[in-house]
């Protein structure tokens, strides 16, 4: 049974263990975020995700499961983006209206940074897109 392979070339038992590990991590993150939300902390699920991520990195659990597949990475980014979007409301956007230019500059700089590589000749565009 251990010799049977999934479509990705990972033994079924490891695939199942990895799936259960990530499911447990997601569940702990959700439960922790809900508990922090009840305490009234701002952005509780983002804070819990950060704390659980640090714990996973420090304990080595992330290495047990191997690299995150591109679809999983994209899904995680989508969830984080939607979660961040839920914290915006018209009042907070009205507050930012007077500071739109610095916000735009920082956003563009943050977006373009990972796509550039510093070389002796200067900055060079690098294709680091997960797609």
N, C-alpha and C. Protein backbone atom coordinates (compact mmCIF):
# COMPACT_ATOMS: atom_id res chain seq x y z
N UNK A 1 0.82 -1.19 0.00
CA UNK A 1 0.00 0.00 0.00
C UNK A 1 0.86 1.26 0.00
N UNK A 2 2.00 1.24 0.70
CA UNK A 2 2.88 2.40 0.73
C UNK A 2 3.50 2.68 -0.62
N UNK A 3 3.58 1.69 -1.47
CA UNK A 3 4.20 1.87 -2.79
C UNK A 3 3.26 2.58 -3.76
N UNK A 4 1.97 2.59 -3.45
CA UNK A 4 1.02 3.24 -4.37
C UNK A 4 1.31 4.73 -4.40
N UNK A 5 1.21 5.31 -5.56
CA UNK A 5 1.57 6.71 -5.72
C UNK A 5 0.35 7.53 -6.12
N UNK A 6 0.37 8.80 -5.74
CA UNK A 6 -0.64 9.73 -6.21
C UNK A 6 -0.14 10.33 -7.51
N UNK A 7 -0.91 11.22 -8.10
CA UNK A 7 -0.53 11.84 -9.35
C UNK A 7 0.72 12.71 -9.23
N UNK A 8 1.08 13.15 -8.02
CA UNK A 8 2.23 14.03 -7.85
C UNK A 8 3.51 13.26 -7.54
N UNK A 9 3.44 11.97 -7.44
CA UNK A 9 4.63 11.19 -7.16
C UNK A 9 4.94 11.08 -5.68
N UNK A 10 4.03 11.47 -4.80
CA UNK A 10 4.24 11.39 -3.36
C UNK A 10 3.50 10.16 -2.85
N UNK A 11 4.15 9.34 -2.00
CA UNK A 11 3.44 8.17 -1.47
C UNK A 11 2.14 8.59 -0.78
N UNK A 12 1.12 7.75 -0.93
CA UNK A 12 -0.21 8.10 -0.40
C UNK A 12 -0.18 8.40 1.09
N UNK A 13 0.52 7.62 1.86
CA UNK A 13 0.54 7.84 3.31
C UNK A 13 1.13 9.21 3.62
N UNK A 14 2.20 9.59 2.94
CA UNK A 14 2.80 10.91 3.18
C UNK A 14 1.84 12.01 2.73
N UNK A 15 1.18 11.79 1.60
CA UNK A 15 0.22 12.77 1.10
C UNK A 15 -0.90 12.97 2.10
N UNK A 16 -1.39 11.88 2.67
CA UNK A 16 -2.46 11.95 3.67
C UNK A 16 -1.96 12.65 4.93
N UNK A 17 -0.76 12.30 5.40
CA UNK A 17 -0.19 12.91 6.59
C UNK A 17 0.01 14.41 6.38
N UNK A 18 0.52 14.78 5.21
CA UNK A 18 0.73 16.19 4.90
C UNK A 18 -0.59 16.94 4.88
N UNK A 19 -1.60 16.35 4.26
CA UNK A 19 -2.92 16.99 4.21
C UNK A 19 -3.50 17.18 5.59
N UNK A 20 -3.39 16.17 6.43
CA UNK A 20 -3.91 16.27 7.80
C UNK A 20 -3.13 17.30 8.61
N UNK A 21 -1.82 17.39 8.39
CA UNK A 21 -1.00 18.37 9.09
C UNK A 21 -1.44 19.79 8.74
N UNK A 22 -1.61 20.07 7.44
CA UNK A 22 -2.03 21.41 7.02
C UNK A 22 -3.46 21.70 7.45
N UNK A 23 -4.31 20.70 7.48
CA UNK A 23 -5.67 20.88 7.97
C UNK A 23 -5.66 21.23 9.46
N UNK A 24 -4.80 20.57 10.23
CA UNK A 24 -4.68 20.87 11.66
C UNK A 24 -4.14 22.29 11.87
N UNK A 25 -3.15 22.68 11.07
CA UNK A 25 -2.59 24.04 11.17
C UNK A 25 -3.67 25.07 10.86
N UNK A 26 -4.45 24.82 9.81
CA UNK A 26 -5.54 25.75 9.45
C UNK A 26 -6.58 25.81 10.56
N UNK A 27 -6.91 24.67 11.15
CA UNK A 27 -7.90 24.64 12.23
C UNK A 27 -7.42 25.39 13.47
N UNK A 28 -6.16 25.20 13.82
CA UNK A 28 -5.59 25.91 14.97
C UNK A 28 -5.59 27.41 14.71
N UNK A 29 -5.26 27.79 13.48
CA UNK A 29 -5.26 29.21 13.12
C UNK A 29 -6.66 29.79 13.23
N UNK A 30 -7.64 29.08 12.74
CA UNK A 30 -9.03 29.56 12.79
C UNK A 30 -9.51 29.66 14.24
N UNK A 31 -9.27 28.62 15.04
CA UNK A 31 -9.70 28.64 16.44
C UNK A 31 -9.01 29.75 17.22
N UNK A 32 -7.71 29.91 16.99
CA UNK A 32 -6.97 30.98 17.68
C UNK A 32 -7.47 32.36 17.27
N UNK A 33 -7.74 32.53 15.97
CA UNK A 33 -8.27 33.81 15.50
C UNK A 33 -9.63 34.11 16.09
N UNK A 34 -10.45 33.10 16.21
CA UNK A 34 -11.77 33.29 16.81
C UNK A 34 -11.65 33.66 18.28
N UNK A 35 -10.72 33.03 18.99
CA UNK A 35 -10.51 33.35 20.41
C UNK A 35 -10.01 34.78 20.57
N UNK A 36 -9.07 35.20 19.71
CA UNK A 36 -8.55 36.57 19.79
C UNK A 36 -9.61 37.59 19.39
N UNK A 37 -10.49 37.19 18.48
CA UNK A 37 -11.59 38.06 18.08
C UNK A 37 -12.53 38.31 19.26
N UNK A 38 -12.78 37.26 20.04
CA UNK A 38 -13.63 37.40 21.22
C UNK A 38 -13.00 38.32 22.27
N UNK A 39 -11.66 38.41 22.26
CA UNK A 39 -10.97 39.30 23.18
C UNK A 39 -10.93 40.75 22.68
N UNK A 40 -11.36 40.94 21.43
CA UNK A 40 -11.44 42.29 20.87
C UNK A 40 -10.17 42.78 20.19
N UNK A 41 -9.22 41.90 19.92
CA UNK A 41 -7.99 42.32 19.25
C UNK A 41 -8.26 42.64 17.78
N UNK A 42 -7.57 43.64 17.22
CA UNK A 42 -7.75 43.95 15.80
C UNK A 42 -7.06 42.91 14.92
N UNK A 43 -7.66 42.60 13.79
CA UNK A 43 -7.12 41.64 12.81
C UNK A 43 -6.69 40.33 13.48
N UNK A 44 -7.60 39.70 14.23
CA UNK A 44 -7.20 38.52 15.01
C UNK A 44 -6.75 37.33 14.18
N UNK A 45 -7.39 37.09 13.04
CA UNK A 45 -7.00 35.92 12.24
C UNK A 45 -5.66 36.14 11.55
N UNK A 46 -5.35 37.37 11.18
CA UNK A 46 -4.04 37.65 10.61
C UNK A 46 -2.95 37.49 11.67
N UNK A 47 -3.21 37.98 12.88
CA UNK A 47 -2.25 37.84 13.96
C UNK A 47 -2.02 36.37 14.31
N UNK A 48 -3.10 35.62 14.39
CA UNK A 48 -2.98 34.20 14.70
C UNK A 48 -2.23 33.46 13.60
N UNK A 49 -2.53 33.80 12.34
CA UNK A 49 -1.81 33.18 11.23
C UNK A 49 -0.32 33.44 11.30
N UNK A 50 0.05 34.65 11.67
CA UNK A 50 1.46 35.00 11.83
C UNK A 50 2.09 34.18 12.95
N UNK A 51 1.41 34.12 14.10
CA UNK A 51 1.95 33.38 15.24
C UNK A 51 2.06 31.88 14.96
N UNK A 52 1.04 31.32 14.33
CA UNK A 52 1.08 29.89 14.00
C UNK A 52 2.16 29.64 12.95
N UNK A 53 2.32 30.55 11.99
CA UNK A 53 3.36 30.41 10.98
C UNK A 53 4.75 30.41 11.60
N UNK A 54 4.97 31.29 12.57
CA UNK A 54 6.26 31.32 13.27
C UNK A 54 6.47 30.02 14.03
N UNK A 55 5.43 29.53 14.70
CA UNK A 55 5.55 28.27 15.44
C UNK A 55 5.86 27.11 14.50
N UNK A 56 5.20 27.06 13.35
CA UNK A 56 5.46 25.99 12.38
C UNK A 56 6.90 26.07 11.88
N UNK A 57 7.38 27.28 11.62
CA UNK A 57 8.75 27.44 11.13
C UNK A 57 9.77 27.04 12.21
N UNK A 58 9.53 27.45 13.45
CA UNK A 58 10.49 27.16 14.52
C UNK A 58 10.50 25.69 14.92
N UNK A 59 9.37 25.02 14.80
CA UNK A 59 9.32 23.60 15.17
C UNK A 59 9.76 22.68 14.04
N UNK A 60 9.85 23.21 12.82
CA UNK A 60 10.26 22.39 11.68
C UNK A 60 9.12 21.64 11.02
N UNK A 61 7.89 21.89 11.43
CA UNK A 61 6.76 21.19 10.83
C UNK A 61 6.62 21.50 9.34
N UNK A 62 7.00 22.70 8.93
CA UNK A 62 6.91 23.06 7.52
C UNK A 62 7.81 22.21 6.64
N UNK A 63 8.95 21.78 7.18
CA UNK A 63 9.87 20.94 6.42
C UNK A 63 9.38 19.50 6.31
N UNK A 64 8.56 19.09 7.27
CA UNK A 64 8.04 17.72 7.25
C UNK A 64 7.16 17.51 6.03
N UNK A 65 6.38 18.52 5.70
CA UNK A 65 5.42 18.36 4.61
C UNK A 65 6.01 18.63 3.24
N UNK A 66 7.20 19.20 3.18
CA UNK A 66 7.81 19.51 1.88
C UNK A 66 7.34 20.86 1.38
N UNK A 67 7.73 21.22 0.17
CA UNK A 67 7.35 22.53 -0.36
C UNK A 67 5.85 22.63 -0.63
N UNK A 68 5.35 23.83 -0.50
CA UNK A 68 3.92 24.07 -0.76
C UNK A 68 3.72 24.08 -2.27
N UNK A 69 2.76 23.32 -2.79
CA UNK A 69 2.52 23.33 -4.23
C UNK A 69 2.01 24.70 -4.68
N UNK A 70 2.24 25.06 -5.95
CA UNK A 70 1.83 26.38 -6.44
C UNK A 70 0.35 26.69 -6.20
N UNK A 71 -0.52 25.71 -6.36
CA UNK A 71 -1.94 25.94 -6.13
C UNK A 71 -2.22 26.28 -4.66
N UNK A 72 -1.55 25.60 -3.76
CA UNK A 72 -1.70 25.90 -2.33
C UNK A 72 -1.20 27.28 -1.99
N UNK A 73 -0.08 27.68 -2.58
CA UNK A 73 0.48 29.01 -2.37
C UNK A 73 -0.50 30.08 -2.87
N UNK A 74 -1.03 29.87 -4.06
CA UNK A 74 -1.97 30.83 -4.64
C UNK A 74 -3.24 30.91 -3.80
N UNK A 75 -3.73 29.77 -3.34
CA UNK A 75 -4.93 29.76 -2.50
C UNK A 75 -4.69 30.50 -1.18
N UNK A 76 -3.52 30.31 -0.59
CA UNK A 76 -3.20 31.00 0.66
C UNK A 76 -3.13 32.51 0.45
N UNK A 77 -2.55 32.93 -0.66
CA UNK A 77 -2.49 34.37 -0.96
C UNK A 77 -3.89 34.94 -1.19
N UNK A 78 -4.74 34.17 -1.84
CA UNK A 78 -6.12 34.63 -2.07
C UNK A 78 -6.87 34.77 -0.76
N UNK A 79 -6.71 33.81 0.13
CA UNK A 79 -7.39 33.88 1.43
C UNK A 79 -6.89 35.09 2.22
N UNK A 80 -5.57 35.32 2.22
CA UNK A 80 -5.02 36.48 2.94
C UNK A 80 -5.54 37.78 2.33
N UNK A 81 -5.63 37.85 1.01
CA UNK A 81 -6.13 39.05 0.35
C UNK A 81 -7.59 39.33 0.68
N UNK A 82 -8.39 38.30 0.67
CA UNK A 82 -9.81 38.46 1.01
C UNK A 82 -9.95 38.87 2.47
N UNK A 83 -9.16 38.25 3.33
CA UNK A 83 -9.21 38.59 4.76
C UNK A 83 -8.83 40.04 4.98
N UNK A 84 -7.78 40.50 4.31
CA UNK A 84 -7.39 41.91 4.42
C UNK A 84 -8.49 42.83 3.89
N UNK A 85 -9.12 42.42 2.80
CA UNK A 85 -10.19 43.22 2.22
C UNK A 85 -11.39 43.37 3.13
N UNK A 86 -11.63 42.41 4.00
CA UNK A 86 -12.77 42.50 4.91
C UNK A 86 -12.56 43.56 5.99
N UNK A 87 -11.32 43.99 6.20
CA UNK A 87 -11.05 45.00 7.23
C UNK A 87 -11.26 46.43 6.71
N UNK A 88 -11.44 46.59 5.41
CA UNK A 88 -11.68 47.93 4.86
C UNK A 88 -13.15 48.27 4.95
N UNK A 89 -13.42 49.52 5.20
CA UNK A 89 -14.79 50.02 5.18
C UNK A 89 -14.75 51.45 4.63
N UNK A 90 -15.87 52.00 4.25
CA UNK A 90 -15.86 53.35 3.65
C UNK A 90 -15.20 54.40 4.53
N UNK A 91 -15.35 54.31 5.84
CA UNK A 91 -14.75 55.31 6.73
C UNK A 91 -13.23 55.25 6.67
N UNK A 92 -12.67 54.03 6.65
CA UNK A 92 -11.20 53.93 6.59
C UNK A 92 -10.67 54.39 5.23
N UNK A 93 -11.40 54.14 4.17
CA UNK A 93 -10.98 54.62 2.86
C UNK A 93 -11.07 56.13 2.77
N UNK A 94 -12.07 56.74 3.40
CA UNK A 94 -12.19 58.20 3.42
C UNK A 94 -11.02 58.81 4.18
N UNK A 95 -10.55 58.15 5.23
CA UNK A 95 -9.41 58.63 5.99
C UNK A 95 -8.15 58.63 5.13
N UNK A 96 -8.02 57.65 4.24
CA UNK A 96 -6.84 57.55 3.39
C UNK A 96 -6.88 58.48 2.18
N UNK A 97 -7.99 59.12 1.93
CA UNK A 97 -8.16 59.94 0.73
C UNK A 97 -7.09 61.01 0.60
N UNK A 98 -6.68 61.62 1.69
CA UNK A 98 -5.66 62.66 1.63
C UNK A 98 -4.25 62.12 1.48
N UNK A 99 -4.07 60.82 1.65
CA UNK A 99 -2.73 60.22 1.59
C UNK A 99 -2.61 59.20 0.47
N UNK A 100 -3.37 59.37 -0.60
CA UNK A 100 -3.39 58.36 -1.64
C UNK A 100 -2.06 58.25 -2.39
N UNK A 101 -1.34 59.35 -2.57
CA UNK A 101 -0.09 59.30 -3.33
C UNK A 101 0.99 58.48 -2.61
N UNK A 102 1.29 58.75 -1.33
CA UNK A 102 2.29 57.91 -0.65
C UNK A 102 1.87 56.45 -0.58
N UNK A 103 0.58 56.21 -0.39
CA UNK A 103 0.07 54.84 -0.35
C UNK A 103 0.29 54.13 -1.68
N UNK A 104 0.04 54.85 -2.77
CA UNK A 104 0.26 54.29 -4.11
C UNK A 104 1.74 53.99 -4.35
N UNK A 105 2.62 54.90 -3.95
CA UNK A 105 4.07 54.71 -4.14
C UNK A 105 4.56 53.50 -3.36
N UNK A 106 4.15 53.38 -2.10
CA UNK A 106 4.56 52.23 -1.29
C UNK A 106 4.00 50.94 -1.86
N UNK A 107 2.76 50.95 -2.31
CA UNK A 107 2.15 49.75 -2.89
C UNK A 107 2.90 49.32 -4.15
N UNK A 108 3.20 50.25 -5.03
CA UNK A 108 3.93 49.91 -6.26
C UNK A 108 5.35 49.43 -5.96
N UNK A 109 6.01 50.06 -4.99
CA UNK A 109 7.35 49.64 -4.61
C UNK A 109 7.34 48.23 -4.02
N UNK A 110 6.33 47.94 -3.21
CA UNK A 110 6.21 46.61 -2.62
C UNK A 110 5.94 45.56 -3.69
N UNK A 111 5.11 45.92 -4.65
CA UNK A 111 4.78 44.98 -5.72
C UNK A 111 5.96 44.72 -6.64
N UNK A 112 6.72 45.76 -6.97
CA UNK A 112 7.80 45.59 -7.95
C UNK A 112 9.06 45.02 -7.34
N UNK A 113 9.24 45.13 -6.04
CA UNK A 113 10.46 44.66 -5.39
C UNK A 113 10.80 43.20 -5.64
N UNK A 114 9.88 42.26 -5.46
CA UNK A 114 10.21 40.85 -5.66
C UNK A 114 10.55 40.50 -7.11
N UNK A 115 10.19 41.36 -8.06
CA UNK A 115 10.44 41.06 -9.46
C UNK A 115 11.77 41.62 -9.95
N UNK A 116 12.53 42.25 -9.06
CA UNK A 116 13.81 42.83 -9.44
C UNK A 116 14.93 42.18 -8.64
N UNK A 117 16.10 42.14 -9.24
CA UNK A 117 17.26 41.56 -8.58
C UNK A 117 18.40 42.56 -8.67
N UNK A 118 19.06 42.82 -7.56
CA UNK A 118 20.16 43.78 -7.54
C UNK A 118 21.42 43.09 -8.07
N UNK A 119 21.99 43.64 -9.10
CA UNK A 119 23.24 43.11 -9.68
C UNK A 119 24.25 44.24 -9.73
N UNK A 120 25.49 43.92 -10.11
CA UNK A 120 26.52 44.96 -10.22
C UNK A 120 26.16 45.97 -11.29
N UNK A 121 25.40 45.56 -12.28
CA UNK A 121 24.99 46.46 -13.36
C UNK A 121 23.77 47.29 -12.99
N UNK A 122 23.13 46.98 -11.90
CA UNK A 122 21.90 47.68 -11.49
C UNK A 122 20.77 46.68 -11.31
N UNK A 123 19.57 47.20 -11.21
CA UNK A 123 18.42 46.32 -11.03
C UNK A 123 18.07 45.61 -12.32
N UNK A 124 17.78 44.33 -12.22
CA UNK A 124 17.43 43.52 -13.38
C UNK A 124 16.12 42.83 -13.09
N UNK A 125 15.20 42.82 -14.06
CA UNK A 125 13.90 42.17 -13.87
C UNK A 125 14.08 40.65 -13.79
N UNK A 126 13.42 40.05 -12.82
CA UNK A 126 13.48 38.61 -12.61
C UNK A 126 12.07 38.06 -12.63
N UNK A 127 11.87 36.93 -13.30
CA UNK A 127 10.55 36.32 -13.32
C UNK A 127 10.43 35.38 -12.13
N UNK A 128 9.78 35.87 -11.05
CA UNK A 128 9.59 35.04 -9.88
C UNK A 128 8.13 34.74 -9.62
N UNK A 129 7.32 34.87 -10.66
CA UNK A 129 5.90 34.62 -10.53
C UNK A 129 5.64 33.14 -10.31
N UNK A 130 4.72 32.79 -9.37
CA UNK A 130 4.43 31.38 -9.14
C UNK A 130 3.57 30.76 -10.24
N UNK A 131 3.16 31.55 -11.24
CA UNK A 131 2.28 31.03 -12.28
C UNK A 131 3.06 30.51 -13.45
